[in-house]
C-alpha cells in the first residue's frame, strides 16, 4: 500500500492502527515505522478496537491512553493529533460520548471521522478462502467487485452529502490494510483519478464544518456522514444485495464462513478481551 501511494505521489495519509496487535507481535512496529518513514502519519485508534457500545466511558478513555503509551512517539510525528473512534462508532448515549469527547479535548486530540467507506471488510474472508482454494475465477471476481464497490460507494457518499449540505463536501475515505487492499489499492486510486477525484490531506478535509459537526449517536454500524444523513432523513444508495451476497459467499471453505469470521474470530474475541458486552447489529 505504501508503494501504491508513492507511485501516485500521494503522501501525508493517516493510518489508524489499534495497538493490541503491535503489543502481541512487536515486529509489527516496523510496519508502522515504514509507514511514517514513507511520508505518512499515525493517529490514535484505541488499544483494543472495542466499540464504545461494548464498554463504559472510563474503559474507553483508558484504552485511548493505553494506545498512546505504545505509539505516542509515532503520534507526535504527525502535524495534528488525530483520534478515530473504533469502527467510527460513538456509542448509544450522548453522555458516554461526552465523556470520551471531553477526554480527547483535554488530551489534545481532534476527532477524524469517516465520511466515505465501501464495506471493504466484507472481502477479507472471501479473499482468504479464494487464495487458499486457488480459485482464480473467484479471485478475479473479488478484485473487480472490490474496485467497483469503492467507486460506487464513493459516488454514493458524495451524492448524499451534496443533497444534505447543498454543496460538495470533502470526503474522508477509509480503506483497511488487508491482503486485497495491498493487491488492489493502486487500481482503486487509478479508478478514482479516472473519474476526477482530487486527493487532499486530512487537515484540509477537516476544515469543512460538516466533518466537525457531531451527529446523533446510534448503536448501529454507521459512519459519521451516514449518521448525519439518518438524522436528516436523507437516503444513501447501496450496492444491490445480490452483489453483496456474491462477495460474501464466494469460494466456500469449511470453518471460514464470512459472518463466522467477522463475528467469532474478530469481533467477539475483542469483547471478551476487554470484558465488555456484545452489542452488534449488521442491519
Protein backbone atom coordinates (compact mmCIF):
# COMPACT_ATOMS: atom_id res chain seq x y z
CA UNK A 1 0.00 0.00 0.00
CA UNK A 2 2.92 2.33 0.69
CA UNK A 3 4.20 1.57 -2.81
CA UNK A 4 0.78 2.18 -4.40
CA UNK A 5 0.53 5.59 -2.75
CA UNK A 6 4.13 6.53 -3.51
CA UNK A 7 3.85 5.59 -7.18
CA UNK A 8 0.95 8.07 -7.45
CA UNK A 9 2.68 10.83 -5.46
CA UNK A 10 0.15 10.62 -2.63
CA UNK A 11 1.65 11.39 0.78
CA UNK A 12 0.52 12.51 4.20
CA UNK A 13 -2.15 9.83 4.64
CA UNK A 14 -3.23 8.98 8.17
CA UNK A 15 -3.25 5.37 9.33
CA UNK A 16 -5.24 4.47 12.43
CA UNK A 17 -3.91 1.21 13.90
CA UNK A 18 -5.16 -0.20 17.16
CA UNK A 19 -2.19 -1.17 19.27
CA UNK A 20 -3.08 -4.57 20.76
CA UNK A 21 -1.66 -6.42 17.71
CA UNK A 22 1.57 -4.40 18.00
CA UNK A 23 1.98 -5.45 21.62
CA UNK A 24 1.18 -9.07 20.75
CA UNK A 25 3.55 -9.05 17.74
CA UNK A 26 6.23 -6.38 18.30
CA UNK A 27 7.62 -6.84 14.79
CA UNK A 28 4.52 -5.01 13.52
CA UNK A 29 6.11 -1.84 14.88
CA UNK A 30 8.44 -1.98 11.87
CA UNK A 31 5.43 -1.75 9.55
CA UNK A 32 4.21 1.39 11.28
CA UNK A 33 7.67 2.92 11.14
CA UNK A 34 7.83 2.13 7.41
CA UNK A 35 4.51 3.95 7.05
CA UNK A 36 5.70 7.08 8.83
CA UNK A 37 9.16 6.98 7.22
CA UNK A 38 7.38 6.97 3.84
CA UNK A 39 5.75 10.34 4.50
CA UNK A 40 2.52 9.22 6.16
CA UNK A 41 1.12 9.67 9.66
CA UNK A 42 -0.33 7.69 12.56
CA UNK A 43 -3.41 8.53 14.61
CA UNK A 44 -4.85 7.05 17.81
CA UNK A 45 -7.48 4.36 17.26
CA UNK A 46 -7.64 2.88 20.78
CA UNK A 47 -5.69 -0.13 22.01
CA UNK A 48 -8.24 -2.93 21.66
CA UNK A 49 -10.52 -1.56 18.90
CA UNK A 50 -13.62 -2.15 21.03
CA UNK A 51 -16.83 -0.40 20.08
CA UNK A 52 -17.93 2.25 22.56
CA UNK A 53 -21.22 0.30 22.66
CA UNK A 54 -19.42 -2.56 24.42
CA UNK A 55 -17.62 -0.78 27.26
CA UNK A 56 -18.01 2.04 29.75
CA UNK A 57 -16.79 5.54 29.04
CA UNK A 58 -13.96 5.08 31.53
CA UNK A 59 -12.85 1.83 29.91
CA UNK A 60 -12.82 3.55 26.55
CA UNK A 61 -10.75 6.56 27.59
CA UNK A 62 -8.32 4.27 29.40
CA UNK A 63 -7.97 2.34 26.14
CA UNK A 64 -7.17 5.57 24.30
CA UNK A 65 -4.44 6.31 26.83
CA UNK A 66 -3.05 2.78 26.51
CA UNK A 67 -2.73 3.23 22.76
CA UNK A 68 -0.80 6.44 23.31
CA UNK A 69 1.55 4.70 25.72
CA UNK A 70 2.52 2.28 22.96
CA UNK A 71 2.62 4.61 19.94
CA UNK A 72 2.96 8.09 21.41
CA UNK A 73 6.26 8.78 19.65
CA UNK A 74 4.69 8.00 16.26
CA UNK A 75 1.59 10.05 17.08
CA UNK A 76 3.80 13.02 17.86
CA UNK A 77 5.41 12.90 14.42
CA UNK A 78 2.10 13.84 12.79
CA UNK A 79 1.22 17.51 12.19
CA UNK A 80 -2.11 17.01 14.01
CA UNK A 81 -3.02 14.65 16.85
CA UNK A 82 -5.99 12.80 15.40
CA UNK A 83 -8.20 10.20 17.03
CA UNK A 84 -10.68 7.94 15.28
CA UNK A 85 -13.39 6.05 17.11
CA UNK A 86 -13.15 2.28 16.73
CA UNK A 87 -15.41 1.37 13.79
CA UNK A 88 -16.36 5.08 13.77
CA UNK A 89 -19.00 4.16 16.38
CA UNK A 90 -19.65 6.75 19.09
CA UNK A 91 -21.84 4.76 21.48
CA UNK A 92 -25.50 4.62 22.38
CA UNK A 93 -25.65 7.65 24.70
CA UNK A 94 -24.70 11.29 24.37
CA UNK A 95 -23.48 11.19 27.98
CA UNK A 96 -20.96 8.43 27.33
CA UNK A 97 -19.78 10.03 24.10
CA UNK A 98 -19.42 13.29 26.00
CA UNK A 99 -17.07 11.62 28.48
CA UNK A 100 -14.89 10.50 25.59
CA UNK A 101 -15.05 13.86 23.80
CA UNK A 102 -14.04 15.69 26.99
CA UNK A 103 -11.07 13.36 27.43
CA UNK A 104 -10.00 13.78 23.81
CA UNK A 105 -10.15 17.56 24.07
CA UNK A 106 -8.10 17.57 27.27
CA UNK A 107 -5.54 15.23 25.66
CA UNK A 108 -5.16 17.47 22.62
CA UNK A 109 -6.86 15.22 20.07
CA UNK A 110 -9.03 16.14 17.10
CA UNK A 111 -11.58 13.51 16.06
CA UNK A 112 -11.11 12.37 12.46
CA UNK A 113 -14.40 10.83 11.33
CA UNK A 114 -15.08 8.56 8.38
CA UNK A 115 -17.32 10.11 5.75
CA UNK A 116 -16.84 7.61 2.92
CA UNK A 117 -16.25 3.86 3.07
CA UNK A 118 -17.18 0.85 0.99
CA UNK A 119 -17.57 -2.00 3.44
CA UNK A 120 -14.17 -3.33 2.42
CA UNK A 121 -14.05 -5.65 5.44
CA UNK A 122 -16.59 -7.83 3.59
CA UNK A 123 -13.85 -9.00 1.21
CA UNK A 124 -11.45 -10.21 3.94
CA UNK A 125 -12.80 -13.74 4.45
CA UNK A 126 -13.80 -14.41 0.80
CA UNK A 127 -10.39 -13.30 -0.44
CA UNK A 128 -8.67 -15.57 2.07
CA UNK A 129 -10.86 -18.51 1.03
CA UNK A 130 -10.22 -17.90 -2.66
CA UNK A 131 -6.47 -17.73 -2.04
CA UNK A 132 -6.48 -20.97 -0.05
CA UNK A 133 -8.69 -22.67 -2.64
CA UNK A 134 -6.54 -21.36 -5.52
CA UNK A 135 -9.83 -20.22 -7.02
CA UNK A 136 -8.80 -17.99 -9.90
CA UNK A 137 -12.35 -17.23 -11.01
CA UNK A 138 -13.36 -16.11 -7.52
CA UNK A 139 -10.19 -14.05 -7.10
CA UNK A 140 -10.89 -12.21 -10.35
CA UNK A 141 -14.49 -11.53 -9.32
CA UNK A 142 -13.47 -10.34 -5.86
CA UNK A 143 -10.81 -7.99 -7.19
CA UNK A 144 -13.12 -6.48 -9.80
CA UNK A 145 -16.03 -6.11 -7.39
CA UNK A 146 -13.71 -4.54 -4.80
CA UNK A 147 -12.72 -1.74 -7.17
CA UNK A 148 -16.27 -1.34 -8.48
CA UNK A 149 -17.66 -1.12 -4.94
CA UNK A 150 -15.08 1.51 -3.99
CA UNK A 151 -16.23 3.70 -6.87
CA UNK A 152 -19.93 3.05 -6.28
CA UNK A 153 -19.80 3.93 -2.60
CA UNK A 154 -17.62 6.99 -3.12
CA UNK A 155 -20.15 8.34 -5.62
CA UNK A 156 -22.98 7.41 -3.25
CA UNK A 157 -21.44 9.26 -0.30
CA UNK A 158 -20.67 12.31 -2.45
CA UNK A 159 -24.22 12.49 -3.86
CA UNK A 160 -25.81 12.10 -0.44
CA UNK A 161 -23.52 14.69 1.16
CA UNK A 162 -24.34 17.13 -1.64
CA UNK A 163 -28.06 16.57 -1.07
CA UNK A 164 -27.62 17.14 2.66
CA UNK A 165 -25.37 20.20 2.53
CA UNK A 166 -26.23 21.64 -0.92
CA UNK A 167 -22.54 21.81 -1.76
CA UNK A 168 -19.62 19.50 -2.44
CA UNK A 169 -18.15 18.17 0.81
CA UNK A 170 -14.61 16.75 1.09
CA UNK A 171 -14.77 13.03 1.87
CA UNK A 172 -12.60 11.37 4.50
CA UNK A 173 -12.19 7.95 2.91
CA UNK A 174 -11.44 4.68 4.67
CA UNK A 175 -9.68 1.56 3.46
CA UNK A 176 -8.34 -1.18 5.75
CA UNK A 177 -4.86 -2.60 5.32
CA UNK A 178 -5.82 -6.11 4.23
CA UNK A 179 -4.34 -8.52 1.66
CA UNK A 180 -6.84 -7.50 -1.01
CA UNK A 181 -6.18 -3.82 -0.25
CA UNK A 182 -2.47 -4.43 -0.73
CA UNK A 183 -3.21 -6.02 -4.09
CA UNK A 184 -5.84 -3.56 -5.31
CA UNK A 185 -5.28 -0.12 -3.75
CA UNK A 186 -3.40 1.03 -6.84
CA UNK A 187 -6.31 0.03 -9.07
CA UNK A 188 -8.76 1.89 -6.83
CA UNK A 189 -6.66 5.06 -6.83
CA UNK A 190 -6.38 4.88 -10.61
CA UNK A 191 -10.15 4.45 -10.92
CA UNK A 192 -10.68 7.43 -8.63
CA UNK A 193 -8.28 9.53 -10.71
CA UNK A 194 -10.10 8.49 -13.89
CA UNK A 195 -13.42 9.78 -12.55
CA UNK A 196 -11.93 13.10 -11.49
CA UNK A 197 -11.24 12.63 -7.79
CA UNK A 198 -8.90 15.23 -6.26
CA UNK A 199 -6.76 13.84 -3.44
CA UNK A 200 -6.36 16.20 -0.48
CA UNK A 201 -4.97 15.80 3.03
CA UNK A 202 -6.94 15.15 6.20
CA UNK A 203 -6.12 18.58 7.62
CA UNK A 204 -7.71 20.23 4.57
CA UNK A 205 -10.77 17.98 4.71
CA UNK A 206 -11.22 18.76 8.40
CA UNK A 207 -11.58 22.47 7.65
CA UNK A 208 -15.11 21.78 6.37
CA UNK A 209 -17.66 22.17 9.19
CA UNK A 210 -19.57 19.04 8.16
CA UNK A 211 -16.62 16.92 9.26
CA UNK A 212 -16.66 18.50 12.73
CA UNK A 213 -20.40 18.58 13.42
CA UNK A 214 -21.32 15.72 15.77
CA UNK A 215 -24.35 13.76 14.53
CA UNK A 216 -26.72 12.00 16.94
CA UNK A 217 -25.45 8.77 18.47
CA UNK A 218 -26.72 5.37 17.34
CA UNK A 219 -25.95 1.77 18.24
CA UNK A 220 -25.87 0.92 14.53
CA UNK A 221 -22.70 0.41 12.47
CA UNK A 222 -22.77 3.76 10.66
CA UNK A 223 -20.07 6.23 9.72
CA UNK A 224 -20.09 9.93 10.58
CA UNK A 225 -21.80 11.04 7.36
CA UNK A 226 -24.33 8.22 7.49
CA UNK A 227 -25.39 9.31 10.98
CA UNK A 228 -25.84 12.86 9.69
CA UNK A 229 -27.88 11.56 6.76
CA UNK A 230 -30.07 9.46 9.04
CA UNK A 231 -30.80 12.44 11.27
CA UNK A 232 -31.84 14.47 8.22
CA UNK A 233 -33.82 11.67 6.56
CA UNK A 234 -31.53 11.52 3.52
CA UNK A 235 -31.01 8.12 1.87
CA UNK A 236 -27.68 6.87 0.51
CA UNK A 237 -27.58 4.45 -2.43
CA UNK A 238 -26.36 0.93 -1.60
CA UNK A 239 -24.97 -1.83 -3.80
CA UNK A 240 -27.52 -4.45 -4.92
CA UNK A 241 -28.00 -7.27 -2.37
CA UNK A 242 -27.04 -9.88 -4.95
CA UNK A 243 -23.62 -8.26 -5.40
CA UNK A 244 -23.01 -8.31 -1.65
CA UNK A 245 -24.11 -11.95 -1.48
CA UNK A 246 -21.80 -12.92 -4.34
CA UNK A 247 -18.86 -11.44 -2.45
CA UNK A 248 -19.70 -12.84 0.97
CA UNK A 249 -20.40 -16.35 -0.35
CA UNK A 250 -17.52 -16.63 -2.83
CA UNK A 251 -15.28 -19.72 -2.80
CA UNK A 252 -16.62 -21.60 0.26
CA UNK A 253 -14.19 -23.14 2.75
CA UNK A 254 -15.16 -25.13 5.84
CA UNK A 255 -14.82 -23.07 9.01
CA UNK A 256 -14.45 -19.75 7.21
CA UNK A 257 -17.99 -18.57 6.57
CA UNK A 258 -17.83 -14.79 6.24
CA UNK A 259 -20.01 -13.83 9.20
CA UNK A 260 -18.47 -16.55 11.36
CA UNK A 261 -15.06 -14.99 10.69
CA UNK A 262 -16.20 -11.43 11.30
CA UNK A 263 -18.14 -12.17 14.49
CA UNK A 264 -16.49 -15.21 16.10
CA UNK A 265 -12.88 -14.69 15.01
CA UNK A 266 -12.62 -10.89 15.01
CA UNK A 267 -15.30 -9.01 16.96
CA UNK A 268 -16.36 -11.29 19.82
CA UNK A 269 -12.76 -12.00 20.91
CA UNK A 270 -12.34 -8.24 21.36
CA UNK A 271 -15.44 -8.11 23.56
CA UNK A 272 -14.08 -10.97 25.66
CA UNK A 273 -10.63 -9.37 25.92
CA UNK A 274 -11.99 -6.08 27.28
CA UNK A 275 -14.65 -7.65 29.49
CA UNK A 276 -17.37 -5.89 27.51
CA UNK A 277 -20.93 -6.69 26.49
CA UNK A 278 -21.65 -7.96 22.96
CA UNK A 279 -23.85 -5.42 21.16
CA UNK A 280 -23.89 -5.60 17.37
CA UNK A 281 -26.39 -5.13 14.56
CA UNK A 282 -25.46 -5.79 10.92
CA UNK A 283 -28.60 -4.11 9.55
